[in-house]
Amino acid sequence: MKGCGIMTLGDNIRAIRKERKLTQEELAKNMGISRTYLSDIENSRKNPSSKTLESLSEKLNTSTIYLMNGIQQFKNYTDDEIKEKFKDN
């Protein structure tokens, strides 16, 4: 999260990975990439290819849109999150 509060692609990937309780090592191994490369992506030193971005979204069980801009689509919410969001309505 770089100074001005705007989350980068790397910030989003890191946040979602941690939310899923995965280490960089676990996610990188699952994807067939090095932990160093994943760290470079998360720290905005490298930009992933579209193929890597698709693989990240698949392995993190989310959309590429959510990875790129942090806007969560309805399908990305868990059942508990949906219940929480709509319980007062």
PDB file of N, CA and C in Angstrom:
ATOM      1  N   MET A   1       0.855  -1.167   0.000  1.00  0.00           N
ATOM      2  CA  MET A   1       0.000   0.000   0.000  1.00  0.00           C
ATOM      3  C   MET A   1       0.901   1.230   0.000  1.00  0.00           C
ATOM      4  N   LYS A   2       1.036   1.801  -1.114  1.00  0.00           N
ATOM      5  CA  LYS A   2       1.955   2.900  -1.334  1.00  0.00           C
ATOM      6  C   LYS A   2       1.339   4.211  -0.878  1.00  0.00           C
ATOM      7  N   GLY A   3       2.020   4.939  -0.058  1.00  0.00           N
ATOM      8  CA  GLY A   3       1.694   6.225   0.504  1.00  0.00           C
ATOM      9  C   GLY A   3       0.319   6.827   0.330  1.00  0.00           C
ATOM     10  N   CYS A   4      -0.208   6.903  -0.892  1.00  0.00           N
ATOM     11  CA  CYS A   4      -1.451   7.647  -1.118  1.00  0.00           C
ATOM     12  C   CYS A   4      -2.706   6.799  -0.930  1.00  0.00           C
ATOM     13  N   GLY A   5      -2.581   5.569  -0.469  1.00  0.00           N
ATOM     14  CA  GLY A   5      -3.754   4.771  -0.173  1.00  0.00           C
ATOM     15  C   GLY A   5      -4.300   3.975  -1.350  1.00  0.00           C
ATOM     16  N   ILE A   6      -3.702   4.125  -2.526  1.00  0.00           N
ATOM     17  CA  ILE A   6      -4.145   3.354  -3.688  1.00  0.00           C
ATOM     18  C   ILE A   6      -3.433   2.010  -3.664  1.00  0.00           C
ATOM     19  N   MET A   7      -4.214   0.950  -3.751  1.00  0.00           N
ATOM     20  CA  MET A   7      -3.626  -0.384  -3.721  1.00  0.00           C
ATOM     21  C   MET A   7      -3.186  -0.778  -5.129  1.00  0.00           C
ATOM     22  N   THR A   8      -1.965  -1.291  -5.209  1.00  0.00           N
ATOM     23  CA  THR A   8      -1.425  -1.759  -6.477  1.00  0.00           C
ATOM     24  C   THR A   8      -1.865  -3.208  -6.708  1.00  0.00           C
ATOM     25  N   LEU A   9      -1.591  -3.708  -7.897  1.00  0.00           N
ATOM     26  CA  LEU A   9      -1.848  -5.112  -8.203  1.00  0.00           C
ATOM     27  C   LEU A   9      -1.141  -5.987  -7.178  1.00  0.00           C
ATOM     28  N   GLY A  10       0.120  -5.684  -6.907  1.00  0.00           N
ATOM     29  CA  GLY A  10       0.882  -6.466  -5.933  1.00  0.00           C
ATOM     30  C   GLY A  10       0.273  -6.425  -4.544  1.00  0.00           C
ATOM     31  N   ASP A  11      -0.195  -5.238  -4.135  1.00  0.00           N
ATOM     32  CA  ASP A  11      -0.857  -5.105  -2.828  1.00  0.00           C
ATOM     33  C   ASP A  11      -2.092  -5.997  -2.764  1.00  0.00           C
ATOM     34  N   ASN A  12      -2.879  -5.985  -3.842  1.00  0.00           N
ATOM     35  CA  ASN A  12      -4.103  -6.792  -3.885  1.00  0.00           C
ATOM     36  C   ASN A  12      -3.779  -8.275  -3.815  1.00  0.00           C
ATOM     37  N   ILE A  13      -2.769  -8.707  -4.578  1.00  0.00           N
ATOM     38  CA  ILE A  13      -2.382 -10.118  -4.572  1.00  0.00           C
ATOM     39  C   ILE A  13      -1.930 -10.523  -3.172  1.00  0.00           C
ATOM     40  N   ARG A  14      -1.089  -9.708  -2.540  1.00  0.00           N
ATOM     41  CA  ARG A  14      -0.598 -10.011  -1.197  1.00  0.00           C
ATOM     42  C   ARG A  14      -1.756 -10.100  -0.196  1.00  0.00           C
ATOM     43  N   ALA A  15      -2.663  -9.138  -0.257  1.00  0.00           N
ATOM     44  CA  ALA A  15      -3.792  -9.113   0.683  1.00  0.00           C
ATOM     45  C   ALA A  15      -4.669 -10.349   0.519  1.00  0.00           C
ATOM     46  N   ILE A  16      -4.956 -10.712  -0.718  1.00  0.00           N
ATOM     47  CA  ILE A  16      -5.812 -11.886  -0.966  1.00  0.00           C
ATOM     48  C   ILE A  16      -5.082 -13.160  -0.567  1.00  0.00           C
ATOM     49  N   ARG A  17      -3.788 -13.243  -0.874  1.00  0.00           N
ATOM     50  CA  ARG A  17      -3.003 -14.422  -0.490  1.00  0.00           C
ATOM     51  C   ARG A  17      -3.027 -14.593   1.027  1.00  0.00           C
ATOM     52  N   LYS A  18      -2.826 -13.513   1.751  1.00  0.00           N
ATOM     53  CA  LYS A  18      -2.838 -13.589   3.217  1.00  0.00           C
ATOM     54  C   LYS A  18      -4.226 -13.919   3.750  1.00  0.00           C
ATOM     55  N   GLU A  19      -5.252 -13.371   3.099  1.00  0.00           N
ATOM     56  CA  GLU A  19      -6.637 -13.670   3.475  1.00  0.00           C
ATOM     57  C   GLU A  19      -6.907 -15.168   3.331  1.00  0.00           C
ATOM     58  N   ARG A  20      -6.279 -15.780   2.323  1.00  0.00           N
ATOM     59  CA  ARG A  20      -6.440 -17.220   2.074  1.00  0.00           C
ATOM     60  C   ARG A  20      -5.492 -18.055   2.927  1.00  0.00           C
ATOM     61  N   LYS A  21      -4.701 -17.346   3.783  1.00  0.00           N
ATOM     62  CA  LYS A  21      -3.759 -18.000   4.701  1.00  0.00           C
ATOM     63  C   LYS A  21      -2.710 -18.838   3.959  1.00  0.00           C
ATOM     64  N   LEU A  22      -2.194 -18.260   2.873  1.00  0.00           N
ATOM     65  CA  LEU A  22      -1.142 -18.901   2.088  1.00  0.00           C
ATOM     66  C   LEU A  22       0.148 -18.113   2.237  1.00  0.00           C
ATOM     67  N   THR A  23       1.267 -18.823   2.321  1.00  0.00           N
ATOM     68  CA  THR A  23       2.556 -18.156   2.291  1.00  0.00           C
ATOM     69  C   THR A  23       2.946 -17.927   0.834  1.00  0.00           C
ATOM     70  N   GLN A  24       3.919 -17.059   0.621  1.00  0.00           N
ATOM     71  CA  GLN A  24       4.423 -16.872  -0.742  1.00  0.00           C
ATOM     72  C   GLN A  24       4.942 -18.196  -1.275  1.00  0.00           C
ATOM     73  N   GLU A  25       5.642 -18.931  -0.438  1.00  0.00           N
ATOM     74  CA  GLU A  25       6.212 -20.216  -0.842  1.00  0.00           C
ATOM     75  C   GLU A  25       5.119 -21.183  -1.309  1.00  0.00           C
ATOM     76  N   GLU A  26       4.034 -21.277  -0.546  1.00  0.00           N
ATOM     77  CA  GLU A  26       2.942 -22.194  -0.900  1.00  0.00           C
ATOM     78  C   GLU A  26       2.290 -21.801  -2.221  1.00  0.00           C
ATOM     79  N   LEU A  27       1.974 -20.519  -2.376  1.00  0.00           N
ATOM     80  CA  LEU A  27       1.316 -20.065  -3.602  1.00  0.00           C
ATOM     81  C   LEU A  27       2.238 -20.223  -4.797  1.00  0.00           C
ATOM     82  N   ALA A  28       3.490 -19.832  -4.644  1.00  0.00           N
ATOM     83  CA  ALA A  28       4.449 -19.947  -5.749  1.00  0.00           C
ATOM     84  C   ALA A  28       4.611 -21.403  -6.184  1.00  0.00           C
ATOM     85  N   LYS A  29       4.735 -22.299  -5.218  1.00  0.00           N
ATOM     86  CA  LYS A  29       4.890 -23.725  -5.534  1.00  0.00           C
ATOM     87  C   LYS A  29       3.655 -24.245  -6.254  1.00  0.00           C
ATOM     88  N   ASN A  30       2.478 -23.865  -5.781  1.00  0.00           N
ATOM     89  CA  ASN A  30       1.210 -24.276  -6.386  1.00  0.00           C
ATOM     90  C   ASN A  30       1.102 -23.782  -7.830  1.00  0.00           C
ATOM     91  N   MET A  31       1.694 -22.607  -8.116  1.00  0.00           N
ATOM     92  CA  MET A  31       1.631 -22.019  -9.454  1.00  0.00           C
ATOM     93  C   MET A  31       2.771 -22.455 -10.360  1.00  0.00           C
ATOM     94  N   GLY A  32       3.824 -23.033  -9.787  1.00  0.00           N
ATOM     95  CA  GLY A  32       4.979 -23.419 -10.580  1.00  0.00           C
ATOM     96  C   GLY A  32       5.888 -22.238 -10.922  1.00  0.00           C
ATOM     97  N   ILE A  33       5.904 -21.225 -10.027  1.00  0.00           N
ATOM     98  CA  ILE A  33       6.803 -20.081 -10.192  1.00  0.00           C
ATOM     99  C   ILE A  33       7.669 -19.980  -8.951  1.00  0.00           C
ATOM    100  N   SER A  34       8.720 -19.181  -9.023  1.00  0.00           N
ATOM    101  CA  SER A  34       9.592 -19.043  -7.849  1.00  0.00           C
ATOM    102  C   SER A  34       8.973 -18.092  -6.830  1.00  0.00           C
ATOM    103  N   ARG A  35       9.332 -18.305  -5.572  1.00  0.00           N
ATOM    104  CA  ARG A  35       8.862 -17.410  -4.525  1.00  0.00           C
ATOM    105  C   ARG A  35       9.410 -16.011  -4.768  1.00  0.00           C
ATOM    106  N   THR A  36      10.622 -15.924  -5.276  1.00  0.00           N
ATOM    107  CA  THR A  36      11.236 -14.630  -5.578  1.00  0.00           C
ATOM    108  C   THR A  36      10.420 -13.862  -6.614  1.00  0.00           C
ATOM    109  N   TYR A  37       9.971 -14.570  -7.660  1.00  0.00           N
ATOM    110  CA  TYR A  37       9.158 -13.917  -8.703  1.00  0.00           C
ATOM    111  C   TYR A  37       7.838 -13.433  -8.114  1.00  0.00           C
ATOM    112  N   LEU A  38       7.192 -14.257  -7.291  1.00  0.00           N
ATOM    113  CA  LEU A  38       5.942 -13.847  -6.648  1.00  0.00           C
ATOM    114  C   LEU A  38       6.188 -12.631  -5.757  1.00  0.00           C
ATOM    115  N   SER A  39       7.285 -12.626  -5.017  1.00  0.00           N
ATOM    116  CA  SER A  39       7.631 -11.478  -4.184  1.00  0.00           C
ATOM    117  C   SER A  39       7.822 -10.228  -5.047  1.00  0.00           C
ATOM    118  N   ASP A  40       8.489 -10.380  -6.182  1.00  0.00           N
ATOM    119  CA  ASP A  40       8.685  -9.245  -7.097  1.00  0.00           C
ATOM    120  C   ASP A  40       7.351  -8.705  -7.604  1.00  0.00           C
ATOM    121  N   ILE A  41       6.402  -9.593  -7.878  1.00  0.00           N
ATOM    122  CA  ILE A  41       5.068  -9.163  -8.318  1.00  0.00           C
ATOM    123  C   ILE A  41       4.381  -8.408  -7.179  1.00  0.00           C
ATOM    124  N   GLU A  42       4.389  -8.996  -5.981  1.00  0.00           N
ATOM    125  CA  GLU A  42       3.714  -8.382  -4.836  1.00  0.00           C
ATOM    126  C   GLU A  42       4.319  -7.027  -4.462  1.00  0.00           C
ATOM    127  N   ASN A  43       5.600  -6.840  -4.742  1.00  0.00           N
ATOM    128  CA  ASN A  43       6.277  -5.587  -4.409  1.00  0.00           C
ATOM    129  C   ASN A  43       6.403  -4.654  -5.615  1.00  0.00           C
ATOM    130  N   SER A  44       5.634  -4.944  -6.658  1.00  0.00           N
ATOM    131  CA  SER A  44       5.564  -4.105  -7.864  1.00  0.00           C
ATOM    132  C   SER A  44       6.909  -3.909  -8.562  1.00  0.00           C
ATOM    133  N   ARG A  45       7.789  -4.898  -8.411  1.00  0.00           N
ATOM    134  CA  ARG A  45       9.052  -4.846  -9.141  1.00  0.00           C
ATOM    135  C   ARG A  45       8.924  -5.514 -10.502  1.00  0.00           C
ATOM    136  N   LYS A  46       7.935  -6.406 -10.632  1.00  0.00           N
ATOM    137  CA  LYS A  46       7.681  -7.108 -11.901  1.00  0.00           C
ATOM    138  C   LYS A  46       6.181  -7.104 -12.148  1.00  0.00           C
ATOM    139  N   ASN A  47       5.824  -7.088 -13.425  1.00  0.00           N
ATOM    140  CA  ASN A  47       4.420  -7.202 -13.825  1.00  0.00           C
ATOM    141  C   ASN A  47       4.189  -8.602 -14.360  1.00  0.00           C
ATOM    142  N   PRO A  48       3.168  -9.293 -13.874  1.00  0.00           N
ATOM    143  CA  PRO A  48       2.918 -10.650 -14.361  1.00  0.00           C
ATOM    144  C   PRO A  48       2.331 -10.630 -15.769  1.00  0.00           C
ATOM    145  N   SER A  49       2.588 -11.691 -16.506  1.00  0.00           N
ATOM    146  CA  SER A  49       1.962 -11.853 -17.817  1.00  0.00           C
ATOM    147  C   SER A  49       0.474 -12.122 -17.607  1.00  0.00           C
ATOM    148  N   SER A  50      -0.292 -12.019 -18.669  1.00  0.00           N
ATOM    149  CA  SER A  50      -1.732 -12.299 -18.547  1.00  0.00           C
ATOM    150  C   SER A  50      -1.951 -13.750 -18.132  1.00  0.00           C
ATOM    151  N   LYS A  51      -1.102 -14.649 -18.598  1.00  0.00           N
ATOM    152  CA  LYS A  51      -1.217 -16.068 -18.216  1.00  0.00           C
ATOM    153  C   LYS A  51      -0.964 -16.242 -16.715  1.00  0.00           C
ATOM    154  N   THR A  52       0.056 -15.555 -16.198  1.00  0.00           N
ATOM    155  CA  THR A  52       0.359 -15.636 -14.766  1.00  0.00           C
ATOM    156  C   THR A  52      -0.765 -15.011 -13.948  1.00  0.00           C
ATOM    157  N   LEU A  53      -1.304 -13.892 -14.431  1.00  0.00           N
ATOM    158  CA  LEU A  53      -2.409 -13.229 -13.737  1.00  0.00           C
ATOM    159  C   LEU A  53      -3.635 -14.150 -13.675  1.00  0.00           C
ATOM    160  N   GLU A  54      -3.922 -14.829 -14.773  1.00  0.00           N
ATOM    161  CA  GLU A  54      -5.047 -15.775 -14.788  1.00  0.00           C
ATOM    162  C   GLU A  54      -4.792 -16.921 -13.823  1.00  0.00           C
ATOM    163  N   SER A  55      -3.562 -17.418 -13.787  1.00  0.00           N
ATOM    164  CA  SER A  55      -3.216 -18.507 -12.880  1.00  0.00           C
ATOM    165  C   SER A  55      -3.335 -18.048 -11.424  1.00  0.00           C
ATOM    166  N   LEU A  56      -2.873 -16.834 -11.139  1.00  0.00           N
ATOM    167  CA  LEU A  56      -3.009 -16.279  -9.786  1.00  0.00           C
ATOM    168  C   LEU A  56      -4.473 -16.205  -9.377  1.00  0.00           C
ATOM    169  N   SER A  57      -5.324 -15.700 -10.264  1.00  0.00           N
ATOM    170  CA  SER A  57      -6.736 -15.573  -9.914  1.00  0.00           C
ATOM    171  C   SER A  57      -7.358 -16.946  -9.682  1.00  0.00           C
ATOM    172  N   GLU A  58      -6.952 -17.925 -10.480  1.00  0.00           N
ATOM    173  CA  GLU A  58      -7.475 -19.290 -10.310  1.00  0.00           C
ATOM    174  C   GLU A  58      -7.019 -19.883  -8.981  1.00  0.00           C
ATOM    175  N   LYS A  59      -5.721 -19.772  -8.687  1.00  0.00           N
ATOM    176  CA  LYS A  59      -5.173 -20.355  -7.458  1.00  0.00           C
ATOM    177  C   LYS A  59      -5.689 -19.640  -6.214  1.00  0.00           C
ATOM    178  N   LEU A  60      -6.009 -18.340  -6.342  1.00  0.00           N
ATOM    179  CA  LEU A  60      -6.532 -17.586  -5.195  1.00  0.00           C
ATOM    180  C   LEU A  60      -8.059 -17.585  -5.166  1.00  0.00           C
ATOM    181  N   ASN A  61      -8.663 -18.286  -6.126  1.00  0.00           N
ATOM    182  CA  ASN A  61     -10.120 -18.426  -6.199  1.00  0.00           C
ATOM    183  C   ASN A  61     -10.822 -17.069  -6.225  1.00  0.00           C
ATOM    184  N   THR A  62     -10.377 -16.218  -7.144  1.00  0.00           N
ATOM    185  CA  THR A  62     -10.963 -14.891  -7.292  1.00  0.00           C
ATOM    186  C   THR A  62     -10.890 -14.482  -8.755  1.00  0.00           C
ATOM    187  N   SER A  63     -11.408 -13.321  -9.077  1.00  0.00           N
ATOM    188  CA  SER A  63     -11.384 -12.850 -10.460  1.00  0.00           C
ATOM    189  C   SER A  63     -10.130 -12.035 -10.738  1.00  0.00           C
ATOM    190  N   THR A  64      -9.733 -11.976 -11.997  1.00  0.00           N
ATOM    191  CA  THR A  64      -8.600 -11.125 -12.367  1.00  0.00           C
ATOM    192  C   THR A  64      -8.946  -9.658 -12.123  1.00  0.00           C
ATOM    193  N   ILE A  65     -10.210  -9.293 -12.255  1.00  0.00           N
ATOM    194  CA  ILE A  65     -10.639  -7.910 -11.990  1.00  0.00           C
ATOM    195  C   ILE A  65     -10.350  -7.549 -10.538  1.00  0.00           C
ATOM    196  N   TYR A  66     -10.668  -8.445  -9.624  1.00  0.00           N
ATOM    197  CA  TYR A  66     -10.411  -8.188  -8.201  1.00  0.00           C
ATOM    198  C   TYR A  66      -8.917  -8.078  -7.925  1.00  0.00           C
ATOM    199  N   LEU A  67      -8.131  -8.933  -8.576  1.00  0.00           N
ATOM    200  CA  LEU A  67      -6.683  -8.840  -8.399  1.00  0.00           C
ATOM    201  C   LEU A  67      -6.147  -7.500  -8.891  1.00  0.00           C
ATOM    202  N   MET A  68      -6.655  -7.051 -10.027  1.00  0.00           N
ATOM    203  CA  MET A  68      -6.115  -5.840 -10.648  1.00  0.00           C
ATOM    204  C   MET A  68      -6.548  -4.555  -9.959  1.00  0.00           C
ATOM    205  N   ASN A  69      -7.821  -4.475  -9.561  1.00  0.00           N
ATOM    206  CA  ASN A  69      -8.277  -3.185  -9.041  1.00  0.00           C
ATOM    207  C   ASN A  69      -8.935  -3.254  -7.658  1.00  0.00           C
ATOM    208  N   GLY A  70      -8.989  -4.423  -7.071  1.00  0.00           N
ATOM    209  CA  GLY A  70      -9.522  -4.536  -5.726  1.00  0.00           C
ATOM    210  C   GLY A  70     -11.035  -4.427  -5.629  1.00  0.00           C
ATOM    211  N   ILE A  71     -11.701  -4.376  -6.778  1.00  0.00           N
ATOM    212  CA  ILE A  71     -13.165  -4.318  -6.772  1.00  0.00           C
ATOM    213  C   ILE A  71     -13.689  -5.747  -6.811  1.00  0.00           C
ATOM    214  N   GLN A  72     -14.325  -6.113  -5.729  1.00  0.00           N
ATOM    215  CA  GLN A  72     -14.799  -7.476  -5.584  1.00  0.00           C
ATOM    216  C   GLN A  72     -16.132  -7.657  -6.290  1.00  0.00           C
ATOM    217  N   GLN A  73     -16.203  -8.698  -7.097  1.00  0.00           N
ATOM    218  CA  GLN A  73     -17.456  -9.036  -7.763  1.00  0.00           C
ATOM    219  C   GLN A  73     -18.284  -9.915  -6.831  1.00  0.00           C
ATOM    220  N   PHE A  74     -19.578  -9.883  -7.008  1.00  0.00           N
ATOM    221  CA  PHE A  74     -20.486 -10.624  -6.145  1.00  0.00           C
ATOM    222  C   PHE A  74     -20.074 -12.086  -5.997  1.00  0.00           C
ATOM    223  N   LYS A  75     -19.623 -12.704  -7.087  1.00  0.00           N
ATOM    224  CA  LYS A  75     -19.266 -14.130  -7.046  1.00  0.00           C
ATOM    225  C   LYS A  75     -18.059 -14.414  -6.166  1.00  0.00           C
ATOM    226  N   ASN A  76     -17.292 -13.365  -5.800  1.00  0.00           N
ATOM    227  CA  ASN A  76     -16.112 -13.557  -4.974  1.00  0.00           C
ATOM    228  C   ASN A  76     -16.418 -13.561  -3.483  1.00  0.00           C
ATOM    229  N   TYR A  77     -17.624 -13.169  -3.100  1.00  0.00           N
ATOM    230  CA  TYR A  77     -17.978 -13.152  -1.689  1.00  0.00           C
ATOM    231  C   TYR A  77     -18.302 -14.553  -1.201  1.00  0.00           C
ATOM    232  N   THR A  78     -17.930 -14.834   0.048  1.00  0.00           N
ATOM    233  CA  THR A  78     -18.311 -16.098   0.658  1.00  0.00           C
ATOM    234  C   THR A  78     -19.771 -15.987   1.096  1.00  0.00           C
ATOM    235  N   ASP A  79     -20.389 -17.096   1.402  1.00  0.00           N
ATOM    236  CA  ASP A  79     -21.778 -17.093   1.873  1.00  0.00           C
ATOM    237  C   ASP A  79     -21.922 -16.232   3.134  1.00  0.00           C
ATOM    238  N   ASP A  80     -20.954 -16.343   4.050  1.00  0.00           N
ATOM    239  CA  ASP A  80     -21.012 -15.547   5.282  1.00  0.00           C
ATOM    240  C   ASP A  80     -20.907 -14.052   4.994  1.00  0.00           C
ATOM    241  N   GLU A  81     -20.052 -13.670   4.042  1.00  0.00           N
ATOM    242  CA  GLU A  81     -19.913 -12.257   3.684  1.00  0.00           C
ATOM    243  C   GLU A  81     -21.206 -11.729   3.067  1.00  0.00           C
ATOM    244  N   ILE A  82     -21.853 -12.548   2.258  1.00  0.00           N
ATOM    245  CA  ILE A  82     -23.121 -12.137   1.626  1.00  0.00           C
ATOM    246  C   ILE A  82     -24.180 -11.940   2.697  1.00  0.00           C
ATOM    247  N   LYS A  83     -24.289 -12.880   3.641  1.00  0.00           N
ATOM    248  CA  LYS A  83     -25.259 -12.759   4.732  1.00  0.00           C
ATOM    249  C   LYS A  83     -25.009 -11.508   5.540  1.00  0.00           C
ATOM    250  N   GLU A  84     -23.734 -11.223   5.820  1.00  0.00           N
ATOM    251  CA  GLU A  84     -23.369 -10.041   6.598  1.00  0.00           C
ATOM    252  C   GLU A  84     -23.751  -8.749   5.874  1.00  0.00           C
ATOM    253  N   LYS A  85     -23.493  -8.693   4.579  1.00  0.00           N
ATOM    254  CA  LYS A  85     -23.773  -7.487   3.803  1.00  0.00           C
ATOM    255  C   LYS A  85     -25.266  -7.186   3.703  1.00  0.00           C
ATOM    256  N   PHE A  86     -26.070  -8.252   3.683  1.00  0.00           N
ATOM    257  CA  PHE A  86     -27.504  -8.044   3.445  1.00  0.00           C
ATOM    258  C   PHE A  86     -28.379  -8.304   4.666  1.00  0.00           C
ATOM    259  N   LYS A  87     -27.797  -8.512   5.841  1.00  0.00           N
ATOM    260  CA  LYS A  87     -28.596  -8.843   7.009  1.00  0.00           C
ATOM    261  C   LYS A  87     -29.507  -7.708   7.467  1.00  0.00           C
ATOM    262  N   ASP A  88     -29.139  -6.463   7.219  1.00  0.00           N
ATOM    263  CA  ASP A  88     -29.955  -5.323   7.652  1.00  0.00           C
ATOM    264  C   ASP A  88     -31.003  -4.934   6.622  1.00  0.00           C
ATOM    265  N   ASN A  89     -30.957  -5.542   5.454  1.00  0.00           N
ATOM    266  CA  ASN A  89     -31.894  -5.169   4.372  1.00  0.00           C
ATOM    267  C   ASN A  89     -33.166  -5.982   4.403  1.00  0.00           C
TER     268      ASN A  89
END
